[in-house]
PDB file of N, CA and C in Angstrom:
ATOM      1  N   MET A   1     -27.237  -2.399  16.096  1.00  0.00           N
ATOM      2  CA  MET A   1     -25.873  -2.854  15.948  1.00  0.00           C
ATOM      3  C   MET A   1     -25.234  -2.868  17.326  1.00  0.00           C
ATOM      4  N   THR A   2     -24.895  -4.061  17.773  1.00  0.00           N
ATOM      5  CA  THR A   2     -24.277  -4.179  19.089  1.00  0.00           C
ATOM      6  C   THR A   2     -22.759  -4.131  18.950  1.00  0.00           C
ATOM      7  N   GLN A   3     -22.110  -3.763  20.027  1.00  0.00           N
ATOM      8  CA  GLN A   3     -20.655  -3.713  20.016  1.00  0.00           C
ATOM      9  C   GLN A   3     -20.049  -5.096  19.759  1.00  0.00           C
ATOM     10  N   PRO A   4     -20.540  -6.167  20.408  1.00  0.00           N
ATOM     11  CA  PRO A   4     -19.973  -7.490  20.120  1.00  0.00           C
ATOM     12  C   PRO A   4     -20.130  -7.895  18.644  1.00  0.00           C
ATOM     13  N   ALA A   5     -21.262  -7.575  18.032  1.00  0.00           N
ATOM     14  CA  ALA A   5     -21.463  -7.921  16.623  1.00  0.00           C
ATOM     15  C   ALA A   5     -20.463  -7.177  15.747  1.00  0.00           C
ATOM     16  N   LEU A   6     -20.263  -5.901  16.034  1.00  0.00           N
ATOM     17  CA  LEU A   6     -19.308  -5.110  15.264  1.00  0.00           C
ATOM     18  C   LEU A   6     -17.881  -5.620  15.464  1.00  0.00           C
ATOM     19  N   LEU A   7     -17.527  -5.946  16.689  1.00  0.00           N
ATOM     20  CA  LEU A   7     -16.187  -6.472  16.956  1.00  0.00           C
ATOM     21  C   LEU A   7     -15.961  -7.808  16.257  1.00  0.00           C
ATOM     22  N   ASN A   8     -16.973  -8.642  16.184  1.00  0.00           N
ATOM     23  CA  ASN A   8     -16.842  -9.911  15.471  1.00  0.00           C
ATOM     24  C   ASN A   8     -16.558  -9.683  13.994  1.00  0.00           C
ATOM     25  N   ILE A   9     -17.195  -8.694  13.400  1.00  0.00           N
ATOM     26  CA  ILE A   9     -16.943  -8.379  11.989  1.00  0.00           C
ATOM     27  C   ILE A   9     -15.531  -7.848  11.825  1.00  0.00           C
ATOM     28  N   ILE A  10     -15.146  -6.915  12.673  1.00  0.00           N
ATOM     29  CA  ILE A  10     -13.805  -6.320  12.587  1.00  0.00           C
ATOM     30  C   ILE A  10     -12.723  -7.372  12.764  1.00  0.00           C
ATOM     31  N   ASN A  11     -12.940  -8.309  13.668  1.00  0.00           N
ATOM     32  CA  ASN A  11     -11.943  -9.340  13.951  1.00  0.00           C
ATOM     33  C   ASN A  11     -12.016 -10.539  13.015  1.00  0.00           C
ATOM     34  N   GLY A  12     -12.893 -10.474  12.021  1.00  0.00           N
ATOM     35  CA  GLY A  12     -12.987 -11.546  11.044  1.00  0.00           C
ATOM     36  C   GLY A  12     -13.684 -12.793  11.546  1.00  0.00           C
ATOM     37  N   LYS A  13     -14.414 -12.682  12.634  1.00  0.00           N
ATOM     38  CA  LYS A  13     -15.134 -13.832  13.177  1.00  0.00           C
ATOM     39  C   LYS A  13     -16.551 -13.930  12.648  1.00  0.00           C
ATOM     40  N   SER A  14     -16.998 -12.893  11.961  1.00  0.00           N
ATOM     41  CA  SER A  14     -18.335 -12.843  11.407  1.00  0.00           C
ATOM     42  C   SER A  14     -18.272 -12.107  10.077  1.00  0.00           C
ATOM     43  N   VAL A  15     -19.219 -12.393   9.201  1.00  0.00           N
ATOM     44  CA  VAL A  15     -19.253 -11.725   7.899  1.00  0.00           C
ATOM     45  C   VAL A  15     -20.371 -10.688   7.867  1.00  0.00           C
ATOM     46  N   ILE A  16     -20.287  -9.814   6.883  1.00  0.00           N
ATOM     47  CA  ILE A  16     -21.331  -8.808   6.697  1.00  0.00           C
ATOM     48  C   ILE A  16     -22.409  -9.425   5.814  1.00  0.00           C
ATOM     49  N   THR A  17     -23.510  -9.776   6.420  1.00  0.00           N
ATOM     50  CA  THR A  17     -24.658 -10.307   5.686  1.00  0.00           C
ATOM     51  C   THR A  17     -25.482  -9.129   5.168  1.00  0.00           C
ATOM     52  N   PRO A  18     -26.381  -9.369   4.233  1.00  0.00           N
ATOM     53  CA  PRO A  18     -27.230  -8.265   3.762  1.00  0.00           C
ATOM     54  C   PRO A  18     -27.982  -7.573   4.896  1.00  0.00           C
ATOM     55  N   CYS A  19     -28.489  -8.344   5.837  1.00  0.00           N
ATOM     56  CA  CYS A  19     -29.205  -7.758   6.974  1.00  0.00           C
ATOM     57  C   CYS A  19     -28.260  -6.897   7.816  1.00  0.00           C
ATOM     58  N   MET A  20     -27.062  -7.405   8.060  1.00  0.00           N
ATOM     59  CA  MET A  20     -26.078  -6.647   8.831  1.00  0.00           C
ATOM     60  C   MET A  20     -25.624  -5.412   8.059  1.00  0.00           C
ATOM     61  N   ALA A  21     -25.553  -5.507   6.737  1.00  0.00           N
ATOM     62  CA  ALA A  21     -25.158  -4.365   5.916  1.00  0.00           C
ATOM     63  C   ALA A  21     -26.148  -3.213   6.071  1.00  0.00           C
ATOM     64  N   ILE A  22     -27.407  -3.540   6.188  1.00  0.00           N
ATOM     65  CA  ILE A  22     -28.422  -2.498   6.406  1.00  0.00           C
ATOM     66  C   ILE A  22     -28.187  -1.820   7.751  1.00  0.00           C
ATOM     67  N   ARG A  23     -27.918  -2.604   8.773  1.00  0.00           N
ATOM     68  CA  ARG A  23     -27.665  -2.032  10.098  1.00  0.00           C
ATOM     69  C   ARG A  23     -26.411  -1.160  10.099  1.00  0.00           C
ATOM     70  N   ILE A  24     -25.352  -1.657   9.459  1.00  0.00           N
ATOM     71  CA  ILE A  24     -24.106  -0.888   9.402  1.00  0.00           C
ATOM     72  C   ILE A  24     -24.319   0.429   8.679  1.00  0.00           C
ATOM     73  N   SER A  25     -25.060   0.393   7.573  1.00  0.00           N
ATOM     74  CA  SER A  25     -25.296   1.624   6.816  1.00  0.00           C
ATOM     75  C   SER A  25     -26.094   2.640   7.631  1.00  0.00           C
ATOM     76  N   GLU A  26     -26.971   2.166   8.490  1.00  0.00           N
ATOM     77  CA  GLU A  26     -27.742   3.075   9.343  1.00  0.00           C
ATOM     78  C   GLU A  26     -26.854   3.750  10.385  1.00  0.00           C
ATOM     79  N   VAL A  27     -25.834   3.031  10.848  1.00  0.00           N
ATOM     80  CA  VAL A  27     -24.958   3.567  11.886  1.00  0.00           C
ATOM     81  C   VAL A  27     -23.817   4.393  11.287  1.00  0.00           C
ATOM     82  N   PHE A  28     -23.164   3.868  10.247  1.00  0.00           N
ATOM     83  CA  PHE A  28     -21.957   4.487   9.720  1.00  0.00           C
ATOM     84  C   PHE A  28     -22.161   5.241   8.412  1.00  0.00           C
ATOM     85  N   GLY A  29     -23.346   5.118   7.831  1.00  0.00           N
ATOM     86  CA  GLY A  29     -23.608   5.793   6.572  1.00  0.00           C
ATOM     87  C   GLY A  29     -23.307   4.902   5.385  1.00  0.00           C
ATOM     88  N   GLY A  30     -23.325   5.510   4.219  1.00  0.00           N
ATOM     89  CA  GLY A  30     -23.179   4.723   3.006  1.00  0.00           C
ATOM     90  C   GLY A  30     -24.486   4.015   2.727  1.00  0.00           C
ATOM     91  N   ASN A  31     -24.411   2.986   1.929  1.00  0.00           N
ATOM     92  CA  ASN A  31     -25.610   2.192   1.695  1.00  0.00           C
ATOM     93  C   ASN A  31     -25.273   0.718   1.868  1.00  0.00           C
ATOM     94  N   ALA A  32     -26.278  -0.094   1.991  1.00  0.00           N
ATOM     95  CA  ALA A  32     -26.074  -1.517   2.248  1.00  0.00           C
ATOM     96  C   ALA A  32     -25.307  -2.194   1.115  1.00  0.00           C
ATOM     97  N   THR A  33     -25.533  -1.751  -0.105  1.00  0.00           N
ATOM     98  CA  THR A  33     -24.829  -2.346  -1.248  1.00  0.00           C
ATOM     99  C   THR A  33     -23.327  -2.177  -1.112  1.00  0.00           C
ATOM    100  N   PHE A  34     -22.895  -1.012  -0.672  1.00  0.00           N
ATOM    101  CA  PHE A  34     -21.462  -0.767  -0.466  1.00  0.00           C
ATOM    102  C   PHE A  34     -20.873  -1.788   0.496  1.00  0.00           C
ATOM    103  N   TRP A  35     -21.555  -2.002   1.624  1.00  0.00           N
ATOM    104  CA  TRP A  35     -21.024  -2.893   2.641  1.00  0.00           C
ATOM    105  C   TRP A  35     -21.017  -4.348   2.183  1.00  0.00           C
ATOM    106  N   VAL A  36     -22.040  -4.757   1.431  1.00  0.00           N
ATOM    107  CA  VAL A  36     -22.070  -6.128   0.901  1.00  0.00           C
ATOM    108  C   VAL A  36     -20.957  -6.308  -0.130  1.00  0.00           C
ATOM    109  N   ARG A  37     -20.744  -5.309  -0.972  1.00  0.00           N
ATOM    110  CA  ARG A  37     -19.656  -5.391  -1.956  1.00  0.00           C
ATOM    111  C   ARG A  37     -18.291  -5.440  -1.279  1.00  0.00           C
ATOM    112  N   LEU A  38     -18.142  -4.699  -0.205  1.00  0.00           N
ATOM    113  CA  LEU A  38     -16.896  -4.732   0.544  1.00  0.00           C
ATOM    114  C   LEU A  38     -16.635  -6.140   1.085  1.00  0.00           C
ATOM    115  N   GLN A  39     -17.668  -6.785   1.610  1.00  0.00           N
ATOM    116  CA  GLN A  39     -17.527  -8.152   2.106  1.00  0.00           C
ATOM    117  C   GLN A  39     -17.194  -9.109   0.973  1.00  0.00           C
ATOM    118  N   THR A  40     -17.853  -8.952  -0.162  1.00  0.00           N
ATOM    119  CA  THR A  40     -17.596  -9.817  -1.315  1.00  0.00           C
ATOM    120  C   THR A  40     -16.159  -9.661  -1.804  1.00  0.00           C
ATOM    121  N   ALA A  41     -15.672  -8.434  -1.863  1.00  0.00           N
ATOM    122  CA  ALA A  41     -14.292  -8.188  -2.288  1.00  0.00           C
ATOM    123  C   ALA A  41     -13.308  -8.849  -1.329  1.00  0.00           C
ATOM    124  N   TYR A  42     -13.598  -8.761  -0.051  1.00  0.00           N
ATOM    125  CA  TYR A  42     -12.746  -9.405   0.951  1.00  0.00           C
ATOM    126  C   TYR A  42     -12.762 -10.925   0.776  1.00  0.00           C
ATOM    127  N   ASP A  43     -13.950 -11.483   0.602  1.00  0.00           N
ATOM    128  CA  ASP A  43     -14.064 -12.935   0.422  1.00  0.00           C
ATOM    129  C   ASP A  43     -13.284 -13.406  -0.799  1.00  0.00           C
ATOM    130  N   LEU A  44     -13.384 -12.681  -1.897  1.00  0.00           N
ATOM    131  CA  LEU A  44     -12.661 -13.057  -3.115  1.00  0.00           C
ATOM    132  C   LEU A  44     -11.147 -12.981  -2.917  1.00  0.00           C
ATOM    133  N   ARG A  45     -10.698 -11.972  -2.194  1.00  0.00           N
ATOM    134  CA  ARG A  45      -9.265 -11.830  -1.928  1.00  0.00           C
ATOM    135  C   ARG A  45      -8.764 -12.964  -1.057  1.00  0.00           C
ATOM    136  N   GLU A  46      -9.563 -13.405  -0.121  1.00  0.00           N
ATOM    137  CA  GLU A  46      -9.165 -14.506   0.756  1.00  0.00           C
ATOM    138  C   GLU A  46      -9.055 -15.838   0.010  1.00  0.00           C
ATOM    139  N   VAL A  47      -9.868 -16.033  -0.998  1.00  0.00           N
ATOM    140  CA  VAL A  47      -9.863 -17.280  -1.767  1.00  0.00           C
ATOM    141  C   VAL A  47      -8.660 -17.351  -2.697  1.00  0.00           C
ATOM    142  N   SER A  48      -8.226 -16.219  -3.196  1.00  0.00           N
ATOM    143  CA  SER A  48      -7.133 -16.172  -4.184  1.00  0.00           C
ATOM    144  C   SER A  48      -5.805 -16.485  -3.554  1.00  0.00           C
TER     145      SER A  48
END
C-alpha cells in the first residue's frame, strides 16, 4: 500500500477494489469484506 494510492482513495479519486481491500486490511486491520462493503455503501449513497 503506497501513500499515493491511499491518498487517492481518501480524496475520492480512486475506489477500493477487492485487491486494494486486501491490502488495506493487511495494513489497517479488519477484513477485505469490510472494506469492500464500505466502498459499496459509499457508492450507493453517492447515487441516491
